[in-house]
Amino acid sequence: MLMKYIWDVDNGWSRHMTGLKELLKNFCFIDGDYVSFTGDEKGGKIVGIGDVVSEALTLENVNYVPELCYNLMSVSQVSDKGISVPTTWNKTKRNRGTKQRRVGRFSNTDE
């Protein structure tokens, strides 16, 4: 499934999130918050947390939200670990209400 390999990157997200539990190592279930995401007013509930490990990058504390149909990488979480986010990642625009935000895409293709 292509979703495994594509991560949307944005400085507007406060945490990493995925809808694919099988991506998560060191997984544990939690009773987390409800979150909303673009295009889905209902959103979903964080029910777990774990790490995504690849040759390119390790993302710690990735929230598992079963209703999420894509992977979200938080620029602030990555930056807090001292990793700079390359400006060369494919930049696209995504609408959020009436505003447009710059986002990027990261591909973890080492599987």
C-alpha atoms as a PDB file:
ATOM      1  CA  MET A   1       0.000   0.000   0.000  1.00  0.00           C
ATOM      2  CA  LEU A   2       1.439   3.348  -1.052  1.00  0.00           C
ATOM      3  CA  MET A   3       0.346   5.028   2.195  1.00  0.00           C
ATOM      4  CA  LYS A   4       3.131   3.155   4.016  1.00  0.00           C
ATOM      5  CA  TYR A   5       5.763   5.018   2.095  1.00  0.00           C
ATOM      6  CA  ILE A   6       4.426   8.572   1.953  1.00  0.00           C
ATOM      7  CA  TRP A   7       4.433  11.017   4.862  1.00  0.00           C
ATOM      8  CA  ASP A   8       2.858  14.449   4.550  1.00  0.00           C
ATOM      9  CA  VAL A   9       5.105  17.001   6.259  1.00  0.00           C
ATOM     10  CA  ASP A  10       3.778  20.240   7.755  1.00  0.00           C
ATOM     11  CA  ASN A  11       4.741  22.702  10.452  1.00  0.00           C
ATOM     12  CA  GLY A  12       1.076  23.026  11.464  1.00  0.00           C
ATOM     13  CA  TRP A  13       0.797  19.555  12.990  1.00  0.00           C
ATOM     14  CA  SER A  14       1.851  19.263  16.608  1.00  0.00           C
ATOM     15  CA  ARG A  15       2.433  15.498  16.492  1.00  0.00           C
ATOM     16  CA  HIS A  16       3.229  12.631  14.158  1.00  0.00           C
ATOM     17  CA  MET A  17       0.208  10.444  13.316  1.00  0.00           C
ATOM     18  CA  THR A  18      -0.539   7.359  11.230  1.00  0.00           C
ATOM     19  CA  GLY A  19      -3.502   5.115  10.513  1.00  0.00           C
ATOM     20  CA  LEU A  20      -1.292   2.043   9.999  1.00  0.00           C
ATOM     21  CA  LYS A  21      -0.578   0.192  13.237  1.00  0.00           C
ATOM     22  CA  GLU A  22       1.814  -2.191  11.448  1.00  0.00           C
ATOM     23  CA  LEU A  23       4.267   0.700  10.902  1.00  0.00           C
ATOM     24  CA  LEU A  24       4.709   1.147  14.651  1.00  0.00           C
ATOM     25  CA  LYS A  25       7.438  -0.496  16.717  1.00  0.00           C
ATOM     26  CA  ASN A  26       7.381  -0.413  20.550  1.00  0.00           C
ATOM     27  CA  PHE A  27       3.607  -0.003  20.265  1.00  0.00           C
ATOM     28  CA  CYS A  28       1.326   0.407  23.254  1.00  0.00           C
ATOM     29  CA  PHE A  29      -2.363   1.213  23.494  1.00  0.00           C
ATOM     30  CA  ILE A  30      -3.341   4.500  25.140  1.00  0.00           C
ATOM     31  CA  ASP A  31      -6.564   6.363  25.874  1.00  0.00           C
ATOM     32  CA  GLY A  32      -5.659   9.486  23.919  1.00  0.00           C
ATOM     33  CA  ASP A  33      -7.309  12.667  22.761  1.00  0.00           C
ATOM     34  CA  TYR A  34      -9.644  13.156  19.849  1.00  0.00           C
ATOM     35  CA  VAL A  35      -7.986  14.879  16.900  1.00  0.00           C
ATOM     36  CA  SER A  36      -9.307  16.439  13.717  1.00  0.00           C
ATOM     37  CA  PHE A  37      -7.644  16.381  10.333  1.00  0.00           C
ATOM     38  CA  THR A  38      -8.119  18.145   7.028  1.00  0.00           C
ATOM     39  CA  GLY A  39     -11.145  17.031   5.061  1.00  0.00           C
ATOM     40  CA  ASP A  40     -12.758  15.107   7.925  1.00  0.00           C
ATOM     41  CA  GLU A  41     -14.724  17.091  10.491  1.00  0.00           C
ATOM     42  CA  LYS A  42     -15.254  13.960  12.582  1.00  0.00           C
ATOM     43  CA  GLY A  43     -11.545  13.231  12.993  1.00  0.00           C
ATOM     44  CA  GLY A  44     -10.528  10.312  15.146  1.00  0.00           C
ATOM     45  CA  LYS A  45      -9.239   9.162  18.514  1.00  0.00           C
ATOM     46  CA  ILE A  46      -5.608   8.467  19.367  1.00  0.00           C
ATOM     47  CA  VAL A  47      -5.644   4.880  20.618  1.00  0.00           C
ATOM     48  CA  GLY A  48      -1.949   4.012  20.553  1.00  0.00           C
ATOM     49  CA  ILE A  49       1.603   5.263  20.291  1.00  0.00           C
ATOM     50  CA  GLY A  50       4.844   3.846  18.922  1.00  0.00           C
ATOM     51  CA  ASP A  51       7.921   4.514  16.810  1.00  0.00           C
ATOM     52  CA  VAL A  52       8.388   4.339  13.042  1.00  0.00           C
ATOM     53  CA  VAL A  53      11.884   3.120  12.232  1.00  0.00           C
ATOM     54  CA  SER A  54      13.425   3.301   8.758  1.00  0.00           C
ATOM     55  CA  GLU A  55      16.932   3.692   7.369  1.00  0.00           C
ATOM     56  CA  ALA A  56      16.180   7.305   6.491  1.00  0.00           C
ATOM     57  CA  LEU A  57      14.662   8.468   9.770  1.00  0.00           C
ATOM     58  CA  THR A  58      13.231   7.300  13.083  1.00  0.00           C
ATOM     59  CA  LEU A  59      10.039   8.984  14.227  1.00  0.00           C
ATOM     60  CA  GLU A  60       9.396   8.581  17.948  1.00  0.00           C
ATOM     61  CA  ASN A  61       6.042   8.948  19.677  1.00  0.00           C
ATOM     62  CA  VAL A  62       3.919   8.499  16.570  1.00  0.00           C
ATOM     63  CA  ASN A  63       0.223   8.514  17.441  1.00  0.00           C
ATOM     64  CA  TYR A  64      -1.979   5.750  16.046  1.00  0.00           C
ATOM     65  CA  VAL A  65      -5.377   6.998  14.839  1.00  0.00           C
ATOM     66  CA  PRO A  66      -7.243   4.161  13.058  1.00  0.00           C
ATOM     67  CA  GLU A  67      -9.525   6.583  11.174  1.00  0.00           C
ATOM     68  CA  LEU A  68      -6.572   8.378   9.571  1.00  0.00           C
ATOM     69  CA  CYS A  69      -6.043   7.523   5.883  1.00  0.00           C
ATOM     70  CA  TYR A  70      -2.575   9.082   5.539  1.00  0.00           C
ATOM     71  CA  ASN A  71       0.643   9.603   7.512  1.00  0.00           C
ATOM     72  CA  LEU A  72       1.443  12.967   9.097  1.00  0.00           C
ATOM     73  CA  MET A  73       4.953  14.084  10.063  1.00  0.00           C
ATOM     74  CA  SER A  74       5.231  17.041  12.426  1.00  0.00           C
ATOM     75  CA  VAL A  75       8.042  19.459  11.551  1.00  0.00           C
ATOM     76  CA  SER A  76       8.155  20.682  15.158  1.00  0.00           C
ATOM     77  CA  GLN A  77       8.631  17.146  16.537  1.00  0.00           C
ATOM     78  CA  VAL A  78      11.422  16.459  14.034  1.00  0.00           C
ATOM     79  CA  SER A  79      13.066  19.834  14.727  1.00  0.00           C
ATOM     80  CA  ASP A  80      12.912  19.226  18.491  1.00  0.00           C
ATOM     81  CA  LYS A  81      15.194  16.227  17.865  1.00  0.00           C
ATOM     82  CA  GLY A  82      17.733  18.490  16.146  1.00  0.00           C
ATOM     83  CA  ILE A  83      16.892  17.324  12.630  1.00  0.00           C
ATOM     84  CA  SER A  84      16.522  20.032  10.015  1.00  0.00           C
ATOM     85  CA  VAL A  85      13.736  19.630   7.499  1.00  0.00           C
ATOM     86  CA  PRO A  86      15.115  19.943   3.952  1.00  0.00           C
ATOM     87  CA  THR A  87      13.466  22.629   1.879  1.00  0.00           C
ATOM     88  CA  THR A  88      13.959  20.384  -1.153  1.00  0.00           C
ATOM     89  CA  TRP A  89      11.177  17.995  -0.132  1.00  0.00           C
ATOM     90  CA  ASN A  90       8.463  18.151  -2.777  1.00  0.00           C
ATOM     91  CA  LYS A  91       6.417  21.175  -1.827  1.00  0.00           C
ATOM     92  CA  THR A  92       2.734  21.170  -2.544  1.00  0.00           C
ATOM     93  CA  LYS A  93      -0.161  23.271  -1.371  1.00  0.00           C
ATOM     94  CA  ARG A  94      -3.019  21.953   0.695  1.00  0.00           C
ATOM     95  CA  ASN A  95      -6.138  23.958   1.437  1.00  0.00           C
ATOM     96  CA  ARG A  96      -7.208  24.313   5.045  1.00  0.00           C
ATOM     97  CA  GLY A  97     -10.375  26.335   5.085  1.00  0.00           C
ATOM     98  CA  THR A  98      -9.610  29.556   3.245  1.00  0.00           C
ATOM     99  CA  LYS A  99      -5.861  29.413   3.907  1.00  0.00           C
ATOM    100  CA  GLN A 100      -3.260  27.568   1.901  1.00  0.00           C
ATOM    101  CA  ARG A 101      -0.292  26.024   3.679  1.00  0.00           C
ATOM    102  CA  ARG A 102       2.965  24.706   2.349  1.00  0.00           C
ATOM    103  CA  VAL A 103       3.468  21.033   2.965  1.00  0.00           C
ATOM    104  CA  GLY A 104       6.012  18.518   1.789  1.00  0.00           C
ATOM    105  CA  ARG A 105       6.241  14.806   1.237  1.00  0.00           C
ATOM    106  CA  PHE A 106       8.740  12.365   2.670  1.00  0.00           C
ATOM    107  CA  SER A 107       9.127   8.852   1.354  1.00  0.00           C
ATOM    108  CA  ASN A 108      10.508   5.987   3.441  1.00  0.00           C
ATOM    109  CA  THR A 109      11.261   3.477   0.709  1.00  0.00           C
ATOM    110  CA  ASP A 110      13.625   1.141   2.543  1.00  0.00           C
ATOM    111  CA  GLU A 111      11.031  -1.592   3.186  1.00  0.00           C
END
